[in-house]
């Protein structure tokens, strides 16, 4: 099946499910939504109402970043919690699997790294608003099923495999770094629900208010310090030599 035919088939499946919610409205076409890196990400409308669709790429196994149903499960489990997330409106487990969620407007911008024109004071207020979201996430009990908790050693193993997937010539010094980290693994602490890549670039903001935490492809039950470390990494422009930019305050 050609790529066009595959998208057309997916589009008809999505339209059929959305028509159940909007029986008297015309559904639009699937349009690729830029910025998504897990599975395939599209936008679609049902009458005036916009939605986001995430689907497993045709021919791919629904594992890792392509396991969109796992993402849908955690979003559904977080519905109604203090953690702002898009609302899941439809899930289809037939291959290729997909789910649809509400479209949340806003900006997901990494102030120290992305090209942007945001006022520094607004960037600062967004950064200072996120710890409350992170606290709420780590305090939330969802009842969602999870794999075994990831302690610091398991996290290091996960990211070591990711590093070693890169050709050696593009990661000079990586093995020395991994060896040093392996010699200093901290003791574990009780696991909590973690996002895995928590930072402003993965939070849609409306003004200075966090409106939705997105990109849940590597959520787990694990060490809350992982989320805190990711957040702090992207708050300091010195961590990105020749690329980062300071945000006053």
C-alpha atoms as a PDB file:
ATOM      1  CA  UNK A   1       0.000   0.000   0.000  1.00  0.00           C
ATOM      2  CA  UNK A   2       1.356   3.431  -0.921  1.00  0.00           C
ATOM      3  CA  UNK A   3       1.941   6.107   1.719  1.00  0.00           C
ATOM      4  CA  UNK A   4      -0.974   8.136   0.356  1.00  0.00           C
ATOM      5  CA  UNK A   5      -3.287   5.115   0.503  1.00  0.00           C
ATOM      6  CA  UNK A   6      -2.181   4.373   4.071  1.00  0.00           C
ATOM      7  CA  UNK A   7      -2.961   7.921   5.217  1.00  0.00           C
ATOM      8  CA  UNK A   8      -6.309   7.794   3.390  1.00  0.00           C
ATOM      9  CA  UNK A   9      -7.224   4.533   5.131  1.00  0.00           C
ATOM     10  CA  UNK A  10      -6.258   5.959   8.514  1.00  0.00           C
ATOM     11  CA  UNK A  11      -8.210   9.126   7.761  1.00  0.00           C
ATOM     12  CA  UNK A  12     -11.391   7.193   7.107  1.00  0.00           C
ATOM     13  CA  UNK A  13     -11.015   5.272  10.361  1.00  0.00           C
ATOM     14  CA  UNK A  14     -10.509   8.483  12.310  1.00  0.00           C
ATOM     15  CA  UNK A  15     -13.408  10.211  10.582  1.00  0.00           C
ATOM     16  CA  UNK A  16     -15.671   7.293  11.422  1.00  0.00           C
ATOM     17  CA  UNK A  17     -14.921   7.537  15.133  1.00  0.00           C
ATOM     18  CA  UNK A  18     -15.141  11.321  15.272  1.00  0.00           C
ATOM     19  CA  UNK A  19     -18.456  11.208  13.424  1.00  0.00           C
ATOM     20  CA  UNK A  20     -19.865   9.343  16.421  1.00  0.00           C
ATOM     21  CA  UNK A  21     -19.048  12.409  18.558  1.00  0.00           C
ATOM     22  CA  UNK A  22     -20.066  14.937  15.908  1.00  0.00           C
ATOM     23  CA  UNK A  23     -22.849  13.255  13.887  1.00  0.00           C
ATOM     24  CA  UNK A  24     -23.920  16.411  12.082  1.00  0.00           C
ATOM     25  CA  UNK A  25     -20.482  17.873  11.374  1.00  0.00           C
ATOM     26  CA  UNK A  26     -18.101  17.396   8.460  1.00  0.00           C
ATOM     27  CA  UNK A  27     -14.706  15.959   9.351  1.00  0.00           C
ATOM     28  CA  UNK A  28     -11.658  17.466   7.667  1.00  0.00           C
ATOM     29  CA  UNK A  29      -8.505  15.847   6.339  1.00  0.00           C
ATOM     30  CA  UNK A  30      -5.591  14.530   8.345  1.00  0.00           C
ATOM     31  CA  UNK A  31      -2.762  17.052   8.230  1.00  0.00           C
ATOM     32  CA  UNK A  32       0.735  16.354   9.467  1.00  0.00           C
ATOM     33  CA  UNK A  33       1.354  18.248  12.677  1.00  0.00           C
ATOM     34  CA  UNK A  34       4.959  19.457  12.903  1.00  0.00           C
ATOM     35  CA  UNK A  35       6.922  18.861  16.075  1.00  0.00           C
ATOM     36  CA  UNK A  36       5.795  15.322  16.884  1.00  0.00           C
ATOM     37  CA  UNK A  37       8.577  12.744  17.219  1.00  0.00           C
ATOM     38  CA  UNK A  38       6.737   9.680  18.500  1.00  0.00           C
ATOM     39  CA  UNK A  39       4.684   7.754  15.992  1.00  0.00           C
ATOM     40  CA  UNK A  40       2.831   9.841  13.405  1.00  0.00           C
ATOM     41  CA  UNK A  41       1.137  13.034  14.558  1.00  0.00           C
ATOM     42  CA  UNK A  42      -1.729  14.691  12.698  1.00  0.00           C
ATOM     43  CA  UNK A  43      -4.355  17.363  13.196  1.00  0.00           C
ATOM     44  CA  UNK A  44      -7.948  16.977  12.055  1.00  0.00           C
ATOM     45  CA  UNK A  45     -11.193  18.872  12.568  1.00  0.00           C
ATOM     46  CA  UNK A  46     -14.747  17.714  13.197  1.00  0.00           C
ATOM     47  CA  UNK A  47     -16.781  20.768  12.293  1.00  0.00           C
ATOM     48  CA  UNK A  48     -15.155  23.625  14.230  1.00  0.00           C
ATOM     49  CA  UNK A  49     -13.531  21.331  16.804  1.00  0.00           C
ATOM     50  CA  UNK A  50      -9.827  20.511  16.315  1.00  0.00           C
ATOM     51  CA  UNK A  51      -8.207  17.245  17.419  1.00  0.00           C
ATOM     52  CA  UNK A  52      -4.745  15.695  17.421  1.00  0.00           C
ATOM     53  CA  UNK A  53      -4.240  12.123  16.206  1.00  0.00           C
ATOM     54  CA  UNK A  54      -1.219   9.967  17.042  1.00  0.00           C
ATOM     55  CA  UNK A  55      -0.752   6.735  15.092  1.00  0.00           C
ATOM     56  CA  UNK A  56       1.717   3.880  14.816  1.00  0.00           C
ATOM     57  CA  UNK A  57       3.639   4.175  11.523  1.00  0.00           C
ATOM     58  CA  UNK A  58       2.476   1.473   9.068  1.00  0.00           C
ATOM     59  CA  UNK A  59       4.688  -1.597   9.209  1.00  0.00           C
ATOM     60  CA  UNK A  60       6.201  -0.595  12.562  1.00  0.00           C
ATOM     61  CA  UNK A  61       5.730  -2.448  15.819  1.00  0.00           C
ATOM     62  CA  UNK A  62       3.885  -0.507  18.547  1.00  0.00           C
ATOM     63  CA  UNK A  63       6.867  -0.403  20.899  1.00  0.00           C
ATOM     64  CA  UNK A  64       8.924   2.366  22.486  1.00  0.00           C
ATOM     65  CA  UNK A  65       8.214   5.788  21.072  1.00  0.00           C
ATOM     66  CA  UNK A  66       5.735   4.266  18.602  1.00  0.00           C
ATOM     67  CA  UNK A  67       3.567   2.702  21.312  1.00  0.00           C
ATOM     68  CA  UNK A  68       0.836   5.305  21.044  1.00  0.00           C
ATOM     69  CA  UNK A  69      -1.642   3.170  22.997  1.00  0.00           C
ATOM     70  CA  UNK A  70       0.657   3.327  26.025  1.00  0.00           C
ATOM     71  CA  UNK A  71       0.639   7.108  25.695  1.00  0.00           C
ATOM     72  CA  UNK A  72      -3.142   7.087  25.470  1.00  0.00           C
ATOM     73  CA  UNK A  73      -3.408   4.991  28.640  1.00  0.00           C
ATOM     74  CA  UNK A  74      -1.413   7.410  30.771  1.00  0.00           C
ATOM     75  CA  UNK A  75      -3.250  10.440  29.367  1.00  0.00           C
ATOM     76  CA  UNK A  76      -6.583   8.788  30.167  1.00  0.00           C
ATOM     77  CA  UNK A  77      -5.358   7.848  33.643  1.00  0.00           C
ATOM     78  CA  UNK A  78      -4.306  11.454  34.318  1.00  0.00           C
ATOM     79  CA  UNK A  79      -7.667  12.891  33.229  1.00  0.00           C
ATOM     80  CA  UNK A  80      -9.163  14.862  36.083  1.00  0.00           C
ATOM     81  CA  UNK A  81      -5.888  14.968  38.014  1.00  0.00           C
ATOM     82  CA  UNK A  82      -4.032  18.186  38.912  1.00  0.00           C
ATOM     83  CA  UNK A  83      -1.672  17.487  35.997  1.00  0.00           C
ATOM     84  CA  UNK A  84      -2.899  19.327  32.865  1.00  0.00           C
ATOM     85  CA  UNK A  85      -3.079  16.920  29.912  1.00  0.00           C
ATOM     86  CA  UNK A  86      -5.092  16.731  26.680  1.00  0.00           C
ATOM     87  CA  UNK A  87      -8.311  14.718  26.933  1.00  0.00           C
ATOM     88  CA  UNK A  88      -8.359  11.434  24.991  1.00  0.00           C
ATOM     89  CA  UNK A  89     -11.549  11.132  22.918  1.00  0.00           C
ATOM     90  CA  UNK A  90     -11.028   7.960  20.848  1.00  0.00           C
ATOM     91  CA  UNK A  91      -8.715   4.926  20.860  1.00  0.00           C
ATOM     92  CA  UNK A  92      -8.457   2.308  18.102  1.00  0.00           C
ATOM     93  CA  UNK A  93      -6.273  -0.727  18.850  1.00  0.00           C
ATOM     94  CA  UNK A  94      -6.555  -2.265  15.377  1.00  0.00           C
ATOM     95  CA  UNK A  95      -3.310  -2.087  13.391  1.00  0.00           C
ATOM     96  CA  UNK A  96      -2.026   0.452  12.770  1.00  0.00           C
ATOM     97  CA  UNK A  97      -3.249   1.630  16.163  1.00  0.00           C
ATOM     98  CA  UNK A  98      -4.088   5.285  16.842  1.00  0.00           C
ATOM     99  CA  UNK A  99      -5.778   7.579  19.305  1.00  0.00           C
ATOM    100  CA  UNK A 100      -7.314  11.041  19.130  1.00  0.00           C
ATOM    101  CA  UNK A 101      -7.130  13.732  21.776  1.00  0.00           C
ATOM    102  CA  UNK A 102      -8.341  17.266  22.139  1.00  0.00           C
ATOM    103  CA  UNK A 103      -6.228  19.979  20.549  1.00  0.00           C
ATOM    104  CA  UNK A 104      -4.801  22.235  23.245  1.00  0.00           C
ATOM    105  CA  UNK A 105      -3.647  25.608  21.992  1.00  0.00           C
ATOM    106  CA  UNK A 106      -0.443  27.125  23.266  1.00  0.00           C
ATOM    107  CA  UNK A 107       3.309  27.340  22.826  1.00  0.00           C
ATOM    108  CA  UNK A 108       5.863  24.657  23.672  1.00  0.00           C
ATOM    109  CA  UNK A 109       9.095  26.650  23.576  1.00  0.00           C
ATOM    110  CA  UNK A 110      12.480  25.922  25.154  1.00  0.00           C
ATOM    111  CA  UNK A 111      13.603  29.482  25.987  1.00  0.00           C
ATOM    112  CA  UNK A 112      17.311  28.737  26.420  1.00  0.00           C
ATOM    113  CA  UNK A 113      17.523  26.713  23.207  1.00  0.00           C
ATOM    114  CA  UNK A 114      14.767  27.549  20.691  1.00  0.00           C
ATOM    115  CA  UNK A 115      14.561  30.522  18.357  1.00  0.00           C
ATOM    116  CA  UNK A 116      11.813  32.704  19.779  1.00  0.00           C
ATOM    117  CA  UNK A 117      10.720  36.259  20.554  1.00  0.00           C
ATOM    118  CA  UNK A 118       9.264  35.712  24.000  1.00  0.00           C
ATOM    119  CA  UNK A 119       9.927  38.371  26.616  1.00  0.00           C
ATOM    120  CA  UNK A 120      12.528  37.180  29.152  1.00  0.00           C
ATOM    121  CA  UNK A 121      10.132  37.941  32.010  1.00  0.00           C
ATOM    122  CA  UNK A 122       7.504  35.642  30.459  1.00  0.00           C
ATOM    123  CA  UNK A 123      10.090  32.862  30.031  1.00  0.00           C
ATOM    124  CA  UNK A 124      11.045  33.212  33.682  1.00  0.00           C
ATOM    125  CA  UNK A 125       7.427  33.036  34.863  1.00  0.00           C
ATOM    126  CA  UNK A 126       6.821  29.912  32.777  1.00  0.00           C
ATOM    127  CA  UNK A 127       9.917  28.264  34.231  1.00  0.00           C
ATOM    128  CA  UNK A 128       8.824  29.103  37.772  1.00  0.00           C
ATOM    129  CA  UNK A 129       5.314  27.767  37.122  1.00  0.00           C
ATOM    130  CA  UNK A 130       6.507  24.301  36.113  1.00  0.00           C
ATOM    131  CA  UNK A 131       7.751  23.001  39.497  1.00  0.00           C
ATOM    132  CA  UNK A 132       4.154  23.058  40.758  1.00  0.00           C
ATOM    133  CA  UNK A 133       3.141  20.879  37.794  1.00  0.00           C
ATOM    134  CA  UNK A 134       6.038  18.537  38.482  1.00  0.00           C
ATOM    135  CA  UNK A 135       5.092  18.277  42.157  1.00  0.00           C
ATOM    136  CA  UNK A 136       1.517  17.432  41.186  1.00  0.00           C
ATOM    137  CA  UNK A 137       2.718  14.774  38.735  1.00  0.00           C
ATOM    138  CA  UNK A 138       4.913  13.052  41.295  1.00  0.00           C
ATOM    139  CA  UNK A 139       2.093  13.073  43.843  1.00  0.00           C
ATOM    140  CA  UNK A 140      -0.488  11.608  41.449  1.00  0.00           C
ATOM    141  CA  UNK A 141      -1.656   8.009  41.763  1.00  0.00           C
ATOM    142  CA  UNK A 142      -3.216   6.877  38.484  1.00  0.00           C
ATOM    143  CA  UNK A 143      -3.744   3.150  38.884  1.00  0.00           C
ATOM    144  CA  UNK A 144      -2.246   2.730  35.407  1.00  0.00           C
ATOM    145  CA  UNK A 145      -0.291  -0.454  34.797  1.00  0.00           C
ATOM    146  CA  UNK A 146       3.449   0.008  34.533  1.00  0.00           C
ATOM    147  CA  UNK A 147       6.550  -2.037  33.930  1.00  0.00           C
ATOM    148  CA  UNK A 148       8.943  -2.581  36.809  1.00  0.00           C
ATOM    149  CA  UNK A 149      10.026   0.716  38.337  1.00  0.00           C
ATOM    150  CA  UNK A 150      13.136   2.291  36.856  1.00  0.00           C
ATOM    151  CA  UNK A 151      15.751   2.989  39.509  1.00  0.00           C
ATOM    152  CA  UNK A 152      18.847   5.132  38.734  1.00  0.00           C
ATOM    153  CA  UNK A 153      20.809   2.086  37.490  1.00  0.00           C
ATOM    154  CA  UNK A 154      18.014   1.165  35.066  1.00  0.00           C
ATOM    155  CA  UNK A 155      17.811   4.761  33.838  1.00  0.00           C
ATOM    156  CA  UNK A 156      21.549   4.773  33.180  1.00  0.00           C
ATOM    157  CA  UNK A 157      21.224   1.488  31.284  1.00  0.00           C
ATOM    158  CA  UNK A 158      18.395   2.941  29.173  1.00  0.00           C
ATOM    159  CA  UNK A 159      20.355   6.019  28.147  1.00  0.00           C
ATOM    160  CA  UNK A 160      23.587   4.060  27.685  1.00  0.00           C
ATOM    161  CA  UNK A 161      21.836   1.968  25.024  1.00  0.00           C
ATOM    162  CA  UNK A 162      20.595   5.161  23.399  1.00  0.00           C
ATOM    163  CA  UNK A 163      24.102   6.646  23.391  1.00  0.00           C
ATOM    164  CA  UNK A 164      25.630   3.488  21.911  1.00  0.00           C
ATOM    165  CA  UNK A 165      23.133   3.553  19.051  1.00  0.00           C
ATOM    166  CA  UNK A 166      25.059   6.604  17.799  1.00  0.00           C
ATOM    167  CA  UNK A 167      28.194   5.947  15.674  1.00  0.00           C
ATOM    168  CA  UNK A 168      31.345   6.114  17.862  1.00  0.00           C
ATOM    169  CA  UNK A 169      32.857   8.938  15.819  1.00  0.00           C
ATOM    170  CA  UNK A 170      29.918  11.173  16.767  1.00  0.00           C
ATOM    171  CA  UNK A 171      30.237  10.589  20.532  1.00  0.00           C
ATOM    172  CA  UNK A 172      33.870  11.080  21.537  1.00  0.00           C
ATOM    173  CA  UNK A 173      34.422  10.513  25.242  1.00  0.00           C
ATOM    174  CA  UNK A 174      31.040   8.830  25.690  1.00  0.00           C
ATOM    175  CA  UNK A 175      32.402   5.550  27.048  1.00  0.00           C
ATOM    176  CA  UNK A 176      34.494   7.353  29.667  1.00  0.00           C
ATOM    177  CA  UNK A 177      31.407   9.305  30.710  1.00  0.00           C
ATOM    178  CA  UNK A 178      29.266   6.168  30.988  1.00  0.00           C
ATOM    179  CA  UNK A 179      31.955   4.407  33.008  1.00  0.00           C
ATOM    180  CA  UNK A 180      32.179   7.365  35.382  1.00  0.00           C
ATOM    181  CA  UNK A 181      28.403   7.486  35.799  1.00  0.00           C
ATOM    182  CA  UNK A 182      28.198   3.729  36.423  1.00  0.00           C
ATOM    183  CA  UNK A 183      30.687   4.122  39.273  1.00  0.00           C
ATOM    184  CA  UNK A 184      28.512   6.762  40.963  1.00  0.00           C
ATOM    185  CA  UNK A 185      24.948   5.481  40.712  1.00  0.00           C
ATOM    186  CA  UNK A 186      22.972   6.885  43.678  1.00  0.00           C
ATOM    187  CA  UNK A 187      20.739   4.785  45.857  1.00  0.00           C
ATOM    188  CA  UNK A 188      17.163   4.532  44.701  1.00  0.00           C
ATOM    189  CA  UNK A 189      14.186   6.218  46.334  1.00  0.00           C
ATOM    190  CA  UNK A 190      10.492   5.189  46.313  1.00  0.00           C
ATOM    191  CA  UNK A 191       9.225   5.331  42.693  1.00  0.00           C
ATOM    192  CA  UNK A 192       6.652   7.833  41.490  1.00  0.00           C
ATOM    193  CA  UNK A 193       4.983   8.552  38.176  1.00  0.00           C
ATOM    194  CA  UNK A 194       7.535  10.324  35.956  1.00  0.00           C
ATOM    195  CA  UNK A 195       7.244  11.970  32.561  1.00  0.00           C
ATOM    196  CA  UNK A 196      10.808  11.119  31.508  1.00  0.00           C
ATOM    197  CA  UNK A 197      11.464  14.270  29.457  1.00  0.00           C
ATOM    198  CA  UNK A 198       9.942  17.002  31.591  1.00  0.00           C
ATOM    199  CA  UNK A 199      10.842  20.498  30.351  1.00  0.00           C
ATOM    200  CA  UNK A 200       9.227  23.615  28.912  1.00  0.00           C
ATOM    201  CA  UNK A 201       9.601  22.258  25.380  1.00  0.00           C
ATOM    202  CA  UNK A 202       7.152  19.495  26.302  1.00  0.00           C
ATOM    203  CA  UNK A 203       4.586  21.737  28.015  1.00  0.00           C
ATOM    204  CA  UNK A 204       2.069  23.816  26.082  1.00  0.00           C
ATOM    205  CA  UNK A 205       1.750  27.214  27.748  1.00  0.00           C
ATOM    206  CA  UNK A 206      -0.973  29.808  27.341  1.00  0.00           C
ATOM    207  CA  UNK A 207       0.578  33.062  28.429  1.00  0.00           C
ATOM    208  CA  UNK A 208       2.458  32.197  31.598  1.00  0.00           C
ATOM    209  CA  UNK A 209       0.134  29.304  32.483  1.00  0.00           C
ATOM    210  CA  UNK A 210       1.016  25.631  31.763  1.00  0.00           C
ATOM    211  CA  UNK A 211      -1.952  24.335  29.754  1.00  0.00           C
ATOM    212  CA  UNK A 212      -0.926  20.761  28.872  1.00  0.00           C
ATOM    213  CA  UNK A 213       2.010  18.425  29.424  1.00  0.00           C
ATOM    214  CA  UNK A 214       2.632  16.557  26.151  1.00  0.00           C
ATOM    215  CA  UNK A 215       5.027  13.952  24.658  1.00  0.00           C
ATOM    216  CA  UNK A 216       4.485  11.064  27.082  1.00  0.00           C
ATOM    217  CA  UNK A 217       6.321   8.392  25.088  1.00  0.00           C
ATOM    218  CA  UNK A 218       8.831   7.499  27.843  1.00  0.00           C
ATOM    219  CA  UNK A 219       6.738   7.883  31.003  1.00  0.00           C
ATOM    220  CA  UNK A 220       7.426   5.373  33.737  1.00  0.00           C
ATOM    221  CA  UNK A 221       7.348   4.757  37.437  1.00  0.00           C
ATOM    222  CA  UNK A 222      10.774   5.734  38.610  1.00  0.00           C
ATOM    223  CA  UNK A 223      13.040   8.220  40.339  1.00  0.00           C
ATOM    224  CA  UNK A 224      11.571  11.727  40.569  1.00  0.00           C
ATOM    225  CA  UNK A 225      15.097  13.166  40.336  1.00  0.00           C
ATOM    226  CA  UNK A 226      15.122  12.194  36.648  1.00  0.00           C
ATOM    227  CA  UNK A 227      12.337  14.672  35.860  1.00  0.00           C
ATOM    228  CA  UNK A 228      13.940  17.347  38.024  1.00  0.00           C
ATOM    229  CA  UNK A 229      17.282  16.842  36.272  1.00  0.00           C
ATOM    230  CA  UNK A 230      15.750  17.179  32.800  1.00  0.00           C
ATOM    231  CA  UNK A 231      13.941  20.351  33.830  1.00  0.00           C
ATOM    232  CA  UNK A 232      17.033  21.947  35.357  1.00  0.00           C
ATOM    233  CA  UNK A 233      19.195  20.940  32.379  1.00  0.00           C
ATOM    234  CA  UNK A 234      17.083  23.115  30.088  1.00  0.00           C
ATOM    235  CA  UNK A 235      17.001  26.033  32.524  1.00  0.00           C
ATOM    236  CA  UNK A 236      20.734  26.773  32.154  1.00  0.00           C
ATOM    237  CA  UNK A 237      22.064  28.009  28.814  1.00  0.00           C
ATOM    238  CA  UNK A 238      25.614  26.995  29.795  1.00  0.00           C
ATOM    239  CA  UNK A 239      24.602  23.367  29.225  1.00  0.00           C
ATOM    240  CA  UNK A 240      24.338  24.090  25.485  1.00  0.00           C
ATOM    241  CA  UNK A 241      27.684  25.608  24.375  1.00  0.00           C
ATOM    242  CA  UNK A 242      27.395  27.865  21.307  1.00  0.00           C
ATOM    243  CA  UNK A 243      23.633  27.225  21.192  1.00  0.00           C
ATOM    244  CA  UNK A 244      22.156  28.296  24.513  1.00  0.00           C
ATOM    245  CA  UNK A 245      20.914  31.758  25.387  1.00  0.00           C
ATOM    246  CA  UNK A 246      20.456  33.203  28.889  1.00  0.00           C
ATOM    247  CA  UNK A 247      17.057  33.906  30.388  1.00  0.00           C
ATOM    248  CA  UNK A 248      17.453  36.622  33.045  1.00  0.00           C
ATOM    249  CA  UNK A 249      16.152  35.607  36.479  1.00  0.00           C
END
